[in-house]
Amino acid sequence: KCMNGNVTMRDVKEAIGRTTSVKPQYMRLLAKGRQVPDESTIEEVAGPQSTLEMLMLFKYGYHMQVEGSVWLKERQDEMSSLKAKLDRMENSLNHRGGDLAEFLMQLTKVGEVVGSYLESVDHVPPGSSCLM
């Protein structure tokens, strides 16, 4: 897309972010084989009356964020499934005298799953982007 020469690389990152939903802090812009600072303008990097081709790379934090989000979504789905199963079993116990031993076994399984998730989350450094 055509941009004014006074547009900064930060502005370019924000424009890319609006299109791709990638936050600017997770982008690195390369032009002419080197990373360009956010404060640089297109004209400073390309020169007057020139065009500029750039390459956008993802910073490491982006992959942590995406993988962390996927992990959390998967765990959320698993927990929802287990909760639904426990709700059905509880309903069966309350109304039809279902199998208490089976219910307790499933409840123990849920406790183990939750414990493993908590242990996994404990290994995420404070302030890490992968849980945001």
Protein backbone atom coordinates (compact mmCIF):
# COMPACT_ATOMS: atom_id res chain seq x y z
CA LYS A 1 0.00 0.00 0.00
CA CYS A 2 1.24 3.52 -0.77
CA MET A 3 2.25 5.54 2.29
CA ASN A 4 3.56 9.04 2.80
CA GLY A 5 7.34 9.26 3.29
CA ASN A 6 6.85 10.81 6.75
CA VAL A 7 5.14 7.68 8.08
CA THR A 8 7.22 5.94 10.74
CA MET A 9 7.93 2.23 10.96
CA ARG A 10 5.81 2.20 14.12
CA ASP A 11 2.90 3.51 12.01
CA VAL A 12 3.56 0.77 9.45
CA LYS A 13 3.51 -1.87 12.21
CA GLU A 14 0.21 -0.51 13.53
CA ALA A 15 -1.29 -0.63 10.02
CA ILE A 16 -0.13 -4.23 9.61
CA GLY A 17 -1.56 -5.01 13.05
CA ARG A 18 -4.99 -3.69 12.10
CA THR A 19 -5.01 -6.01 9.10
CA THR A 20 -3.48 -9.11 10.70
CA SER A 21 -4.44 -8.82 14.41
CA VAL A 22 -0.74 -9.16 15.31
CA LYS A 23 0.35 -6.68 17.97
CA PRO A 24 3.13 -4.30 16.80
CA GLN A 25 5.40 -5.31 19.69
CA TYR A 26 5.64 -8.80 18.13
CA MET A 27 6.86 -7.50 14.74
CA ARG A 28 10.30 -6.83 13.33
CA LEU A 29 10.52 -4.93 10.07
CA LEU A 30 13.48 -5.51 7.77
CA ALA A 31 14.39 -3.29 4.84
CA LYS A 32 17.48 -3.49 2.68
CA GLY A 33 18.67 -6.49 4.68
CA ARG A 34 18.57 -4.91 8.13
CA GLN A 35 16.11 -4.25 10.91
CA VAL A 36 14.71 -0.73 10.85
CA PRO A 37 14.04 1.21 14.07
CA ASP A 38 10.43 2.11 14.89
CA GLU A 39 11.26 5.83 14.83
CA SER A 40 12.61 5.74 11.25
CA THR A 41 10.42 7.15 8.52
CA ILE A 42 9.84 5.50 5.17
CA GLU A 43 11.73 8.33 3.46
CA GLU A 44 14.75 7.93 5.77
CA VAL A 45 14.98 4.23 4.99
CA ALA A 46 14.06 4.30 1.27
CA GLY A 47 15.37 7.71 0.27
CA PRO A 48 13.35 10.46 -1.42
CA GLN A 49 11.18 9.46 -4.39
CA SER A 50 11.92 5.77 -3.85
CA THR A 51 9.87 2.71 -3.15
CA LEU A 52 10.57 0.44 -0.22
CA GLU A 53 10.02 -3.26 0.12
CA MET A 54 9.99 -4.60 3.65
CA LEU A 55 9.84 -7.98 5.30
CA MET A 56 7.91 -8.47 8.54
CA LEU A 57 9.17 -11.14 10.94
CA PHE A 58 7.55 -12.33 14.13
CA LYS A 59 9.43 -11.85 17.38
CA TYR A 60 9.73 -14.85 19.72
CA GLY A 61 7.08 -13.51 22.09
CA TYR A 62 4.44 -13.78 19.37
CA HIS A 63 4.85 -17.54 19.14
CA MET A 64 4.71 -17.86 22.93
CA GLN A 65 1.50 -15.84 22.97
CA VAL A 66 -0.14 -17.87 20.21
CA GLU A 67 0.96 -21.23 21.62
CA GLY A 68 -0.10 -20.16 25.11
CA SER A 69 -3.51 -19.11 23.83
CA VAL A 70 -3.96 -22.40 21.99
CA TRP A 71 -2.90 -24.35 25.10
CA LEU A 72 -5.36 -22.42 27.27
CA LYS A 73 -8.20 -22.94 24.77
CA GLU A 74 -7.52 -26.69 24.65
CA ARG A 75 -7.46 -26.90 28.47
CA GLN A 76 -10.64 -24.83 28.69
CA ASP A 77 -12.39 -27.20 26.28
CA GLU A 78 -11.20 -30.24 28.26
CA MET A 79 -12.36 -28.70 31.54
CA SER A 80 -15.76 -27.84 30.05
CA SER A 81 -16.14 -31.41 28.83
CA LEU A 82 -15.20 -32.84 32.23
CA LYS A 83 -17.55 -30.44 34.01
CA ALA A 84 -20.43 -31.46 31.73
CA LYS A 85 -19.70 -35.13 32.42
CA LEU A 86 -19.63 -34.52 36.18
CA ASP A 87 -22.88 -32.55 35.98
CA ARG A 88 -24.55 -35.46 34.17
CA MET A 89 -23.22 -37.93 36.73
CA GLU A 90 -24.36 -35.73 39.62
CA ASN A 91 -27.81 -35.48 38.07
CA SER A 92 -27.88 -39.26 37.72
CA LEU A 93 -26.89 -39.67 41.37
CA ASN A 94 -29.55 -37.24 42.56
CA HIS A 95 -32.43 -38.58 40.49
CA ARG A 96 -31.76 -42.20 39.70
CA GLY A 97 -29.30 -43.39 42.32
CA GLY A 98 -26.35 -43.53 39.91
CA ASP A 99 -23.00 -45.14 40.62
CA LEU A 100 -21.32 -43.20 43.45
CA ALA A 101 -18.01 -45.04 42.97
CA GLU A 102 -17.89 -44.00 39.29
CA PHE A 103 -18.71 -40.41 40.25
CA LEU A 104 -15.90 -40.33 42.83
CA MET A 105 -13.46 -41.86 40.33
CA GLN A 106 -14.31 -39.16 37.76
CA LEU A 107 -14.06 -36.47 40.42
CA THR A 108 -10.58 -37.75 41.32
CA LYS A 109 -9.64 -37.63 37.62
CA VAL A 110 -10.78 -34.01 37.40
CA GLY A 111 -8.68 -33.18 40.47
CA GLU A 112 -5.61 -34.74 38.84
CA VAL A 113 -6.20 -32.88 35.57
CA VAL A 114 -6.64 -29.56 37.38
CA GLY A 115 -3.48 -30.26 39.39
CA SER A 116 -1.47 -30.92 36.24
CA TYR A 117 -2.79 -27.70 34.65
CA LEU A 118 -1.87 -25.69 37.74
CA GLU A 119 1.60 -27.23 37.69
CA SER A 120 1.98 -26.30 34.00
CA VAL A 121 0.89 -22.72 34.69
CA ASP A 122 3.37 -22.52 37.58
CA HIS A 123 6.19 -22.96 35.04
CA VAL A 124 5.18 -19.80 33.17
CA PRO A 125 7.38 -16.88 34.27
CA PRO A 126 5.57 -13.92 35.89
CA GLY A 127 4.72 -11.25 33.36
CA SER A 128 4.97 -13.70 30.49
CA SER A 129 2.88 -12.89 27.44
CA CYS A 130 1.85 -16.47 26.78
CA LEU A 131 -1.10 -16.30 29.17
CA MET A 132 -2.37 -12.93 27.98
